[in-house]
């Protein structure tokens, strides 16, 4: 389980003997002392007791402490949302949880929500500061949100565990209501919580193709009613229209017809990671199967057979279309392709890079991704992405591809041109590399970064901080990709 998605430690309060269900359990799963199994009544010193916003029938009720909320979540077999706040910030958090508990779309999934503003808890004469508990380590002692799962069987390893945690700044509570609502839907569907409620209210078909609702939460999510739908759309044409209208990037997840455990882990953990979800919310997201058919110019074509997706190599994965850069030459074009290389989906860190790449063409963004995900975390991409340097990198990569020869030819000319245009810079440098023949774009970009790592001089430039940078890569008629990185500094 990813450490930023869910802790392997049960939330305080979940440990108990089978015959004795109360907050002073014996910590049977990991052997924590009894005093550590009391819950979130204390987080920062000097805080007041916690309060709870009750269920959707009465969203204004704020009368119970955490222990009551905890038992309520156990009894209702749903998700428990815990909002940690600093003293004086209770108002915004209370409004936040009231909005969640008053949302009928979450009924059947969200069992309770509690605002934690308590001082350290006294248990048998000892004070417990909850921020020290490993279950909430992702919050790092800061204000934020945690979701505890009581919607599964008590014998399930996920029962009573923190499955989602996200830091929230004091002034940002209002901005997280919709993100949290969508996240709760995703978490609940993936966990299979509230199945009976959903079957009764969502009008699911009697038979879901390929998989059942119980064993495939992602498929089930596609059948939710519009008012309950997840962040993932399922109609590609409508998603394109939405992205155009909202001037957003379109993220397309092409899902394998028969997902293996790695893919299911990607869907149920990586895509539900709070940091990933936070970025996904900035996109229009659509999920389709690998055999999905689109219509273009009155012609039907399987999505992975589209000419713009040749670098996907007919493999499931992700691609991004830019409908945000309305004045750019790449507006409406595919600007990222991330097939599942060797069938392996992307992890949280890789998804974080994919979702935060700067605007640019397909080849430029692919090179930036390859640099960013290198294990040594090169610093050249921490500076300013400079459009002029991207143009220079594009031109020289295209030149190398055209002559099918690697090299820094005419660098002196480029050097003076760069300093003439970027008058605030006093020096410039360049790196070049080539792939193996026959590699696809993403594989070639990763290979070029690997080659730079093998050259001390090149790696010094790539790994060092640069005030401004530009990367690109182009393919020659010999099937080899030629990459260029251009840098400028004060």
Protein backbone atom coordinates (compact mmCIF):
# COMPACT_ATOMS: atom_id res chain seq x y z
CA UNK A 1 0.00 0.00 0.00
CA UNK A 2 1.38 3.37 -0.91
CA UNK A 3 2.45 5.31 2.17
CA UNK A 4 0.75 8.45 0.91
CA UNK A 5 -2.47 6.65 0.22
CA UNK A 6 -3.03 4.50 3.23
CA UNK A 7 -1.18 3.71 6.39
CA UNK A 8 -0.59 0.14 7.42
CA UNK A 9 -1.41 1.22 10.97
CA UNK A 10 -5.04 1.08 11.97
CA UNK A 11 -6.56 4.36 13.06
CA UNK A 12 -6.52 4.68 16.85
CA UNK A 13 -9.62 2.99 18.18
CA UNK A 14 -9.85 0.12 15.72
CA UNK A 15 -7.93 -2.31 17.93
CA UNK A 16 -10.14 -4.32 20.24
CA UNK A 17 -10.74 -7.82 21.53
CA UNK A 18 -13.37 -9.76 19.62
CA UNK A 19 -15.66 -9.82 22.63
CA UNK A 20 -14.99 -6.27 23.78
CA UNK A 21 -15.62 -3.50 21.19
CA UNK A 22 -14.73 -0.19 22.82
CA UNK A 23 -12.03 2.43 22.35
CA UNK A 24 -9.59 0.91 24.79
CA UNK A 25 -8.80 -2.18 22.73
CA UNK A 26 -5.56 -4.08 23.08
CA UNK A 27 -4.09 -3.30 19.66
CA UNK A 28 -4.26 -6.88 18.49
CA UNK A 29 -3.12 -6.17 14.91
CA UNK A 30 0.17 -4.47 15.63
CA UNK A 31 0.42 -4.80 19.38
CA UNK A 32 0.17 -1.12 20.27
CA UNK A 33 -0.41 -0.35 23.95
CA UNK A 34 -3.99 0.33 24.98
CA UNK A 35 -3.35 4.01 25.44
CA UNK A 36 -2.40 4.39 21.77
CA UNK A 37 -5.70 2.95 20.58
CA UNK A 38 -7.82 5.79 21.93
CA UNK A 39 -8.64 8.07 19.01
CA UNK A 40 -8.47 11.54 17.67
CA UNK A 41 -9.51 13.51 20.72
CA UNK A 42 -6.09 15.10 20.83
CA UNK A 43 -3.95 16.44 18.05
CA UNK A 44 -2.32 19.74 18.95
CA UNK A 45 -1.80 20.90 22.51
CA UNK A 46 -4.27 23.52 23.71
CA UNK A 47 -7.12 22.41 21.46
CA UNK A 48 -10.71 21.89 22.48
CA UNK A 49 -12.74 18.63 22.17
CA UNK A 50 -13.75 17.32 18.76
CA UNK A 51 -17.20 17.78 17.25
CA UNK A 52 -19.13 15.81 14.63
CA UNK A 53 -21.43 16.76 11.81
CA UNK A 54 -24.13 14.07 11.69
CA UNK A 55 -25.70 12.37 8.72
CA UNK A 56 -27.31 13.91 5.66
CA UNK A 57 -30.75 13.96 7.28
CA UNK A 58 -29.51 16.59 9.74
CA UNK A 59 -26.38 18.26 8.37
CA UNK A 60 -26.42 21.05 10.98
CA UNK A 61 -25.92 18.72 13.97
CA UNK A 62 -22.50 19.19 15.55
CA UNK A 63 -22.75 17.53 18.89
CA UNK A 64 -20.67 14.35 19.19
CA UNK A 65 -17.04 13.74 19.91
CA UNK A 66 -14.74 11.50 17.96
CA UNK A 67 -15.43 8.36 19.96
CA UNK A 68 -19.12 8.64 19.08
CA UNK A 69 -18.32 9.32 15.45
CA UNK A 70 -16.01 6.33 15.41
CA UNK A 71 -18.68 3.99 16.77
CA UNK A 72 -21.21 5.48 14.36
CA UNK A 73 -18.96 4.73 11.39
CA UNK A 74 -18.50 1.16 12.63
CA UNK A 75 -22.25 0.68 12.99
CA UNK A 76 -23.10 2.24 9.62
CA UNK A 77 -20.28 0.36 7.88
CA UNK A 78 -19.07 3.33 5.86
CA UNK A 79 -16.30 5.89 5.60
CA UNK A 80 -15.33 8.20 8.45
CA UNK A 81 -13.92 11.61 7.48
CA UNK A 82 -11.70 13.27 10.05
CA UNK A 83 -10.83 16.95 9.65
CA UNK A 84 -7.81 18.11 11.65
CA UNK A 85 -7.71 21.86 12.32
CA UNK A 86 -5.71 24.33 14.35
CA UNK A 87 -7.33 26.34 17.17
CA UNK A 88 -9.50 29.11 15.78
CA UNK A 89 -10.10 27.34 12.45
CA UNK A 90 -13.06 25.27 13.60
CA UNK A 91 -15.66 27.31 11.73
CA UNK A 92 -14.40 26.60 8.21
CA UNK A 93 -13.90 22.92 8.96
CA UNK A 94 -17.38 22.56 10.48
CA UNK A 95 -18.92 24.15 7.40
CA UNK A 96 -16.83 21.77 5.30
CA UNK A 97 -18.02 18.59 7.04
CA UNK A 98 -21.60 19.87 7.12
CA UNK A 99 -21.47 20.24 3.34
CA UNK A 100 -20.23 16.66 3.00
CA UNK A 101 -22.74 15.16 5.41
CA UNK A 102 -25.56 17.13 3.82
CA UNK A 103 -24.77 15.81 0.34
CA UNK A 104 -27.31 13.15 -0.59
CA UNK A 105 -24.93 11.87 -3.28
CA UNK A 106 -22.70 10.48 -0.54
CA UNK A 107 -25.46 8.66 1.31
CA UNK A 108 -24.59 5.01 1.76
CA UNK A 109 -20.86 5.70 1.64
CA UNK A 110 -20.10 8.45 4.14
CA UNK A 111 -21.03 7.29 7.64
CA UNK A 112 -19.75 10.20 9.72
CA UNK A 113 -17.47 13.22 9.72
CA UNK A 114 -15.70 14.78 12.67
CA UNK A 115 -13.71 17.96 13.22
CA UNK A 116 -10.77 17.31 15.52
CA UNK A 117 -9.62 20.25 17.61
CA UNK A 118 -8.85 18.41 20.86
CA UNK A 119 -6.03 18.70 23.33
CA UNK A 120 -3.95 15.61 24.17
CA UNK A 121 -6.13 12.82 25.53
CA UNK A 122 -5.65 11.60 29.07
CA UNK A 123 -5.82 7.82 29.17
CA UNK A 124 -5.17 6.13 32.48
CA UNK A 125 -3.17 9.11 33.58
CA UNK A 126 -1.11 9.42 30.38
CA UNK A 127 -1.48 12.07 27.69
CA UNK A 128 -1.76 10.93 24.06
CA UNK A 129 -0.93 13.31 21.21
CA UNK A 130 -2.60 11.84 18.16
CA UNK A 131 -0.25 13.45 15.67
CA UNK A 132 2.39 10.99 16.87
CA UNK A 133 0.30 8.03 15.71
CA UNK A 134 1.64 6.29 12.61
CA UNK A 135 -1.82 5.97 11.05
CA UNK A 136 -1.86 9.70 10.36
CA UNK A 137 1.77 10.07 9.38
CA UNK A 138 0.89 11.36 5.85
CA UNK A 139 -0.47 14.54 7.42
CA UNK A 140 2.90 15.23 9.07
CA UNK A 141 1.21 16.89 12.03
CA UNK A 142 -0.47 19.51 9.81
CA UNK A 143 -4.15 20.41 9.30
CA UNK A 144 -5.84 18.16 6.81
CA UNK A 145 -8.22 15.34 6.07
CA UNK A 146 -8.09 11.62 6.74
CA UNK A 147 -10.55 8.94 5.65
CA UNK A 148 -10.96 5.77 7.72
CA UNK A 149 -12.53 2.72 6.13
CA UNK A 150 -15.25 0.89 8.08
CA UNK A 151 -17.11 -0.20 4.97
CA UNK A 152 -15.44 -3.59 4.61
CA UNK A 153 -15.61 -6.79 6.62
CA UNK A 154 -13.96 -6.39 10.06
CA UNK A 155 -11.64 -9.27 9.18
CA UNK A 156 -10.41 -7.41 6.09
CA UNK A 157 -6.95 -5.85 6.44
CA UNK A 158 -8.40 -2.54 5.21
CA UNK A 159 -10.90 -2.36 8.06
CA UNK A 160 -10.36 0.62 10.34
CA UNK A 161 -7.36 1.86 8.40
CA UNK A 162 -6.59 5.34 7.13
CA UNK A 163 -6.94 4.90 3.37
CA UNK A 164 -6.65 8.54 2.29
CA UNK A 165 -4.97 11.59 3.80
CA UNK A 166 -4.41 15.10 2.45
CA UNK A 167 -2.94 18.21 4.03
CA UNK A 168 -5.22 21.29 3.83
CA UNK A 169 -4.17 24.86 4.53
CA UNK A 170 -6.33 26.85 6.91
CA UNK A 171 -7.72 29.09 4.17
CA UNK A 172 -8.39 26.26 1.68
CA UNK A 173 -11.25 24.33 3.29
CA UNK A 174 -13.92 25.81 1.02
CA UNK A 175 -11.96 24.86 -2.06
CA UNK A 176 -11.78 21.18 -1.12
CA UNK A 177 -15.50 20.40 -0.81
CA UNK A 178 -15.95 19.21 -4.39
CA UNK A 179 -12.59 17.43 -4.50
CA UNK A 180 -13.46 15.61 -1.30
CA UNK A 181 -16.91 14.64 -2.56
CA UNK A 182 -15.44 13.16 -5.73
CA UNK A 183 -12.67 11.46 -3.78
CA UNK A 184 -15.16 9.86 -1.40
CA UNK A 185 -17.14 8.49 -4.34
CA UNK A 186 -13.96 7.05 -5.85
CA UNK A 187 -12.79 5.57 -2.53
CA UNK A 188 -16.17 4.06 -1.73
CA UNK A 189 -16.69 2.51 -5.15
CA UNK A 190 -13.17 1.07 -5.19
CA UNK A 191 -13.70 -0.39 -1.73
CA UNK A 192 -17.13 -1.76 -2.60
CA UNK A 193 -18.84 0.20 0.18
CA UNK A 194 -22.59 0.66 0.22
CA UNK A 195 -23.31 -1.80 -2.60
CA UNK A 196 -26.90 -2.39 -1.52
CA UNK A 197 -27.62 1.33 -1.41
CA UNK A 198 -26.13 1.88 -4.86
CA UNK A 199 -28.03 -0.99 -6.41
CA UNK A 200 -31.27 0.44 -5.10
CA UNK A 201 -30.68 4.07 -6.07
CA UNK A 202 -28.37 4.13 -9.06
CA UNK A 203 -30.25 1.90 -11.47
CA UNK A 204 -27.36 -0.36 -12.37
CA UNK A 205 -27.85 -2.84 -15.20
CA UNK A 206 -28.54 -6.41 -14.15
CA UNK A 207 -25.26 -7.54 -15.59
CA UNK A 208 -22.07 -5.50 -15.87
CA UNK A 209 -19.90 -6.64 -18.80
CA UNK A 210 -16.76 -8.63 -18.00
CA UNK A 211 -16.80 -8.02 -14.26
CA UNK A 212 -19.29 -7.73 -11.43
CA UNK A 213 -19.84 -4.59 -9.43
CA UNK A 214 -18.52 -6.27 -6.31
CA UNK A 215 -15.14 -7.28 -7.67
CA UNK A 216 -14.43 -4.34 -9.94
CA UNK A 217 -15.07 -0.96 -8.39
CA UNK A 218 -13.72 0.96 -11.37
CA UNK A 219 -16.20 -0.64 -13.76
CA UNK A 220 -18.98 -0.03 -11.25
CA UNK A 221 -18.07 3.65 -11.09
CA UNK A 222 -18.84 3.97 -14.78
CA UNK A 223 -22.46 3.08 -14.09
CA UNK A 224 -23.13 5.63 -11.39
CA UNK A 225 -25.93 8.09 -12.02
CA UNK A 226 -24.72 11.51 -13.28
CA UNK A 227 -25.24 13.21 -9.93
CA UNK A 228 -23.13 10.52 -8.27
CA UNK A 229 -20.58 10.06 -11.01
CA UNK A 230 -16.88 9.96 -10.31
CA UNK A 231 -14.26 12.25 -11.77
CA UNK A 232 -13.94 9.82 -14.70
CA UNK A 233 -16.28 10.28 -17.63
CA UNK A 234 -16.97 7.32 -19.94
CA UNK A 235 -18.06 9.05 -23.17
CA UNK A 236 -15.01 10.26 -25.12
CA UNK A 237 -16.94 12.65 -27.36
CA UNK A 238 -18.64 14.35 -24.41
CA UNK A 239 -15.33 14.55 -22.58
CA UNK A 240 -13.75 16.34 -25.55
CA UNK A 241 -16.63 18.82 -25.64
CA UNK A 242 -16.29 19.42 -21.91
CA UNK A 243 -12.53 19.98 -22.15
CA UNK A 244 -12.99 22.45 -25.01
CA UNK A 245 -15.72 24.36 -23.24
CA UNK A 246 -13.81 24.53 -19.95
CA UNK A 247 -10.41 25.11 -21.64
CA UNK A 248 -8.84 22.21 -19.77
CA UNK A 249 -6.41 19.44 -20.58
CA UNK A 250 -8.11 16.15 -21.45
CA UNK A 251 -6.68 13.07 -19.72
CA UNK A 252 -7.66 9.77 -21.32
CA UNK A 253 -7.15 6.46 -19.53
CA UNK A 254 -7.28 3.59 -22.01
CA UNK A 255 -8.03 0.63 -19.80
CA UNK A 256 -7.01 -2.97 -20.58
CA UNK A 257 -9.91 -5.25 -21.46
CA UNK A 258 -8.69 -7.76 -18.90
CA UNK A 259 -6.89 -5.79 -16.16
CA UNK A 260 -4.38 -7.72 -14.07
CA UNK A 261 -3.58 -7.09 -10.42
CA UNK A 262 -1.05 -4.37 -11.27
CA UNK A 263 -3.69 -2.44 -13.19
CA UNK A 264 -6.26 -2.88 -10.43
CA UNK A 265 -3.68 -1.61 -7.94
CA UNK A 266 -3.11 1.39 -10.19
CA UNK A 267 -6.83 2.14 -10.28
CA UNK A 268 -7.59 1.53 -6.62
CA UNK A 269 -4.45 2.99 -5.06
CA UNK A 270 -2.46 5.24 -7.39
CA UNK A 271 -5.42 7.02 -8.99
CA UNK A 272 -7.01 7.44 -5.56
CA UNK A 273 -3.90 8.86 -3.93
CA UNK A 274 -4.87 12.31 -2.55
CA UNK A 275 -2.01 14.10 -4.28
CA UNK A 276 -2.90 12.45 -7.58
CA UNK A 277 -6.59 13.21 -7.10
CA UNK A 278 -5.77 16.84 -6.39
CA UNK A 279 -4.08 17.10 -9.80
CA UNK A 280 -6.69 15.01 -11.63
CA UNK A 281 -9.29 17.51 -10.58
CA UNK A 282 -7.63 20.09 -12.85
CA UNK A 283 -8.23 17.86 -15.90
CA UNK A 284 -11.26 16.57 -17.71
CA UNK A 285 -10.80 12.84 -17.21
CA UNK A 286 -12.29 10.07 -19.33
CA UNK A 287 -11.86 6.32 -19.04
CA UNK A 288 -12.43 4.01 -22.02
CA UNK A 289 -11.56 0.42 -22.84
CA UNK A 290 -8.78 -0.41 -25.29
CA UNK A 291 -11.33 -1.55 -27.85
CA UNK A 292 -13.32 1.71 -27.59
CA UNK A 293 -14.45 3.03 -30.97
CA UNK A 294 -14.56 6.73 -31.84
CA UNK A 295 -16.05 8.40 -34.91
CA UNK A 296 -14.08 10.94 -36.95
CA UNK A 297 -15.16 12.38 -40.29
CA UNK A 298 -18.00 9.84 -40.40
CA UNK A 299 -15.46 7.04 -40.05
CA UNK A 300 -15.34 4.73 -37.05
CA UNK A 301 -11.94 3.75 -35.71
CA UNK A 302 -10.67 2.01 -32.61
CA UNK A 303 -9.18 4.67 -30.37
CA UNK A 304 -5.70 3.12 -30.19
CA UNK A 305 -5.59 2.89 -33.99
CA UNK A 306 -5.88 6.66 -34.37
CA UNK A 307 -2.83 8.14 -36.16
CA UNK A 308 -2.22 10.65 -33.36
CA UNK A 309 -1.67 7.75 -30.95
CA UNK A 310 0.91 5.82 -32.93
CA UNK A 311 3.40 6.19 -30.06
CA UNK A 312 0.98 4.32 -27.77
CA UNK A 313 1.87 1.26 -29.89
CA UNK A 314 -1.64 -0.13 -29.35
CA UNK A 315 -0.94 -0.50 -25.62
CA UNK A 316 -3.29 0.53 -22.81
CA UNK A 317 -2.21 3.53 -20.79
CA UNK A 318 -2.74 7.28 -20.64
CA UNK A 319 -2.68 10.11 -23.12
CA UNK A 320 -3.34 13.85 -22.82
CA UNK A 321 -4.87 16.27 -25.31
CA UNK A 322 -4.30 20.01 -24.78
CA UNK A 323 -7.51 22.05 -24.86
CA UNK A 324 -6.12 24.59 -22.39
CA UNK A 325 -3.45 26.31 -24.51
CA UNK A 326 -5.89 28.03 -26.85
CA UNK A 327 -3.24 30.15 -28.62
CA UNK A 328 -0.58 27.45 -28.97
CA UNK A 329 0.23 25.50 -32.11
CA UNK A 330 -0.41 22.27 -30.22
CA UNK A 331 -3.93 23.24 -29.13
CA UNK A 332 -6.24 20.26 -29.59
CA UNK A 333 -3.30 17.92 -30.17
CA UNK A 334 -2.04 14.93 -28.23
CA UNK A 335 0.73 16.33 -26.02
CA UNK A 336 1.50 13.27 -23.89
CA UNK A 337 1.43 9.53 -24.43
CA UNK A 338 2.13 7.16 -21.57
CA UNK A 339 1.51 3.56 -22.58
CA UNK A 340 1.97 0.94 -19.90
CA UNK A 341 5.53 -0.09 -20.74
CA UNK A 342 5.93 -3.85 -20.31
CA UNK A 343 2.37 -3.85 -18.97
CA UNK A 344 3.39 -1.88 -15.86
CA UNK A 345 1.16 1.05 -14.83
CA UNK A 346 2.57 4.22 -13.29
CA UNK A 347 3.15 4.81 -9.58
CA UNK A 348 2.18 7.86 -7.54
CA UNK A 349 5.42 9.75 -8.18
CA UNK A 350 5.25 9.10 -11.92
CA UNK A 351 1.60 10.18 -12.03
CA UNK A 352 2.56 13.33 -10.17
CA UNK A 353 5.05 14.13 -12.94
CA UNK A 354 2.61 13.22 -15.73
CA UNK A 355 -0.06 15.53 -14.34
CA UNK A 356 2.22 18.53 -13.74
CA UNK A 357 4.24 18.74 -16.94
CA UNK A 358 4.52 22.28 -18.36
CA UNK A 359 2.72 23.16 -21.61
CA UNK A 360 4.50 22.00 -24.75
CA UNK A 361 4.46 19.62 -27.66
CA UNK A 362 4.31 15.85 -27.38
CA UNK A 363 8.05 15.42 -27.85
CA UNK A 364 9.01 18.28 -25.54
CA UNK A 365 6.83 17.09 -22.67
CA UNK A 366 8.04 13.52 -23.10
CA UNK A 367 11.66 14.62 -22.71
CA UNK A 368 10.81 16.65 -19.59
CA UNK A 369 9.05 13.61 -18.14
CA UNK A 370 12.08 11.42 -18.82
CA UNK A 371 14.35 13.87 -17.02
CA UNK A 372 11.99 14.37 -14.10
CA UNK A 373 11.50 10.69 -13.33
CA UNK A 374 15.19 9.80 -13.33
CA UNK A 375 15.99 8.32 -9.89
CA UNK A 376 18.62 10.99 -9.20
CA UNK A 377 16.10 13.79 -9.72
CA UNK A 378 18.05 16.06 -12.11
CA UNK A 379 17.63 19.75 -11.33
CA UNK A 380 17.78 21.22 -14.82
CA UNK A 381 13.99 21.13 -15.08
CA UNK A 382 13.55 23.11 -11.86
CA UNK A 383 14.31 26.37 -13.62
CA UNK A 384 12.20 28.32 -16.11
CA UNK A 385 10.82 26.46 -19.14
CA UNK A 386 11.89 28.95 -21.82
CA UNK A 387 9.93 28.87 -25.15
CA UNK A 388 12.91 30.14 -27.13
CA UNK A 389 15.15 27.38 -25.78
CA UNK A 390 12.49 24.81 -26.63
CA UNK A 391 12.53 26.12 -30.20
CA UNK A 392 16.30 25.82 -30.31
CA UNK A 393 16.15 22.28 -28.94
CA UNK A 394 13.46 21.41 -31.48
CA UNK A 395 15.46 22.78 -34.41
CA UNK A 396 18.67 21.03 -33.47
CA UNK A 397 16.92 17.71 -32.75
CA UNK A 398 15.22 17.94 -36.15
CA UNK A 399 18.56 18.75 -37.81
CA UNK A 400 20.26 15.72 -36.22
CA UNK A 401 17.32 13.53 -37.24
CA UNK A 402 17.48 14.85 -40.80
CA UNK A 403 21.20 14.14 -41.24
CA UNK A 404 20.90 11.03 -39.05
CA UNK A 405 23.97 11.99 -37.07
CA UNK A 406 24.44 12.92 -33.43
CA UNK A 407 26.48 16.03 -32.58
CA UNK A 408 26.72 19.69 -31.54
CA UNK A 409 27.21 21.09 -35.03
CA UNK A 410 26.88 24.89 -35.31
CA UNK A 411 26.70 25.23 -31.54
CA UNK A 412 28.67 28.46 -31.62
CA UNK A 413 26.00 30.04 -33.80
CA UNK A 414 23.24 28.84 -31.50
CA UNK A 415 25.19 30.03 -28.47
CA UNK A 416 25.40 33.62 -29.67
CA UNK A 417 21.81 33.60 -30.89
CA UNK A 418 20.59 32.46 -27.48
CA UNK A 419 22.50 35.18 -25.64
CA UNK A 420 21.32 37.78 -28.12
CA UNK A 421 17.65 36.86 -27.62
CA UNK A 422 17.81 36.11 -23.88
CA UNK A 423 19.62 39.28 -22.88
CA UNK A 424 19.34 38.56 -19.16
CA UNK A 425 21.40 35.40 -19.57
CA UNK A 426 25.18 35.39 -19.79
CA UNK A 427 25.98 31.79 -20.72
CA UNK A 428 24.42 28.81 -22.46
CA UNK A 429 25.10 25.09 -22.86
CA UNK A 430 23.76 22.09 -24.75
CA UNK A 431 23.48 18.31 -24.44
CA UNK A 432 22.65 15.76 -27.14
CA UNK A 433 21.88 12.05 -27.15
CA UNK A 434 20.36 9.36 -29.36
CA UNK A 435 18.20 6.30 -28.76
CA UNK A 436 18.49 2.75 -29.99
CA UNK A 437 16.88 2.08 -33.39
CA UNK A 438 13.23 1.08 -33.34
CA UNK A 439 12.35 2.47 -29.91
CA UNK A 440 9.06 4.26 -29.32
CA UNK A 441 9.02 7.88 -28.15
CA UNK A 442 8.73 7.33 -24.40
CA UNK A 443 11.28 4.53 -24.37
CA UNK A 444 13.64 6.62 -26.52
CA UNK A 445 13.38 9.63 -24.20
CA UNK A 446 14.18 7.48 -21.17
CA UNK A 447 17.12 5.96 -23.05
CA UNK A 448 18.54 9.38 -23.95
CA UNK A 449 18.47 10.46 -20.31
CA UNK A 450 20.22 7.20 -19.41
CA UNK A 451 22.91 8.00 -21.96
CA UNK A 452 23.41 11.47 -20.49
CA UNK A 453 23.90 9.85 -17.11
CA UNK A 454 26.81 7.86 -18.54
CA UNK A 455 28.61 11.01 -19.69
CA UNK A 456 30.03 13.12 -16.82
CA UNK A 457 29.99 16.33 -18.85
CA UNK A 458 26.46 15.91 -20.14
CA UNK A 459 25.15 14.77 -16.78
CA UNK A 460 26.69 17.78 -15.06
CA UNK A 461 24.50 19.99 -17.25
CA UNK A 462 21.34 17.87 -16.97
CA UNK A 463 21.59 17.28 -13.24
CA UNK A 464 22.54 20.86 -12.26
CA UNK A 465 20.05 23.65 -11.72
CA UNK A 466 19.59 25.80 -14.83
CA UNK A 467 17.95 29.22 -14.82
CA UNK A 468 16.19 28.40 -18.10
CA UNK A 469 15.87 25.20 -20.10
CA UNK A 470 14.40 23.63 -23.21
CA UNK A 471 14.23 19.97 -24.28
CA UNK A 472 13.06 18.17 -27.41
CA UNK A 473 13.55 14.95 -29.35
CA UNK A 474 12.94 14.05 -33.01
CA UNK A 475 12.97 10.81 -34.98
CA UNK A 476 15.14 10.23 -38.01
CA UNK A 477 14.41 8.09 -41.03
CA UNK A 478 16.82 5.54 -39.53
CA UNK A 479 14.36 4.85 -36.69
CA UNK A 480 16.63 6.59 -34.17
CA UNK A 481 15.46 9.44 -31.94
CA UNK A 482 17.78 12.42 -31.43
CA UNK A 483 17.41 14.44 -28.22
CA UNK A 484 18.64 17.91 -27.34
CA UNK A 485 18.68 19.90 -24.12
CA UNK A 486 19.54 23.62 -24.19
CA UNK A 487 20.21 25.68 -21.06
CA UNK A 488 20.87 29.33 -20.21
CA UNK A 489 22.04 30.96 -17.00
CA UNK A 490 22.66 34.42 -15.58
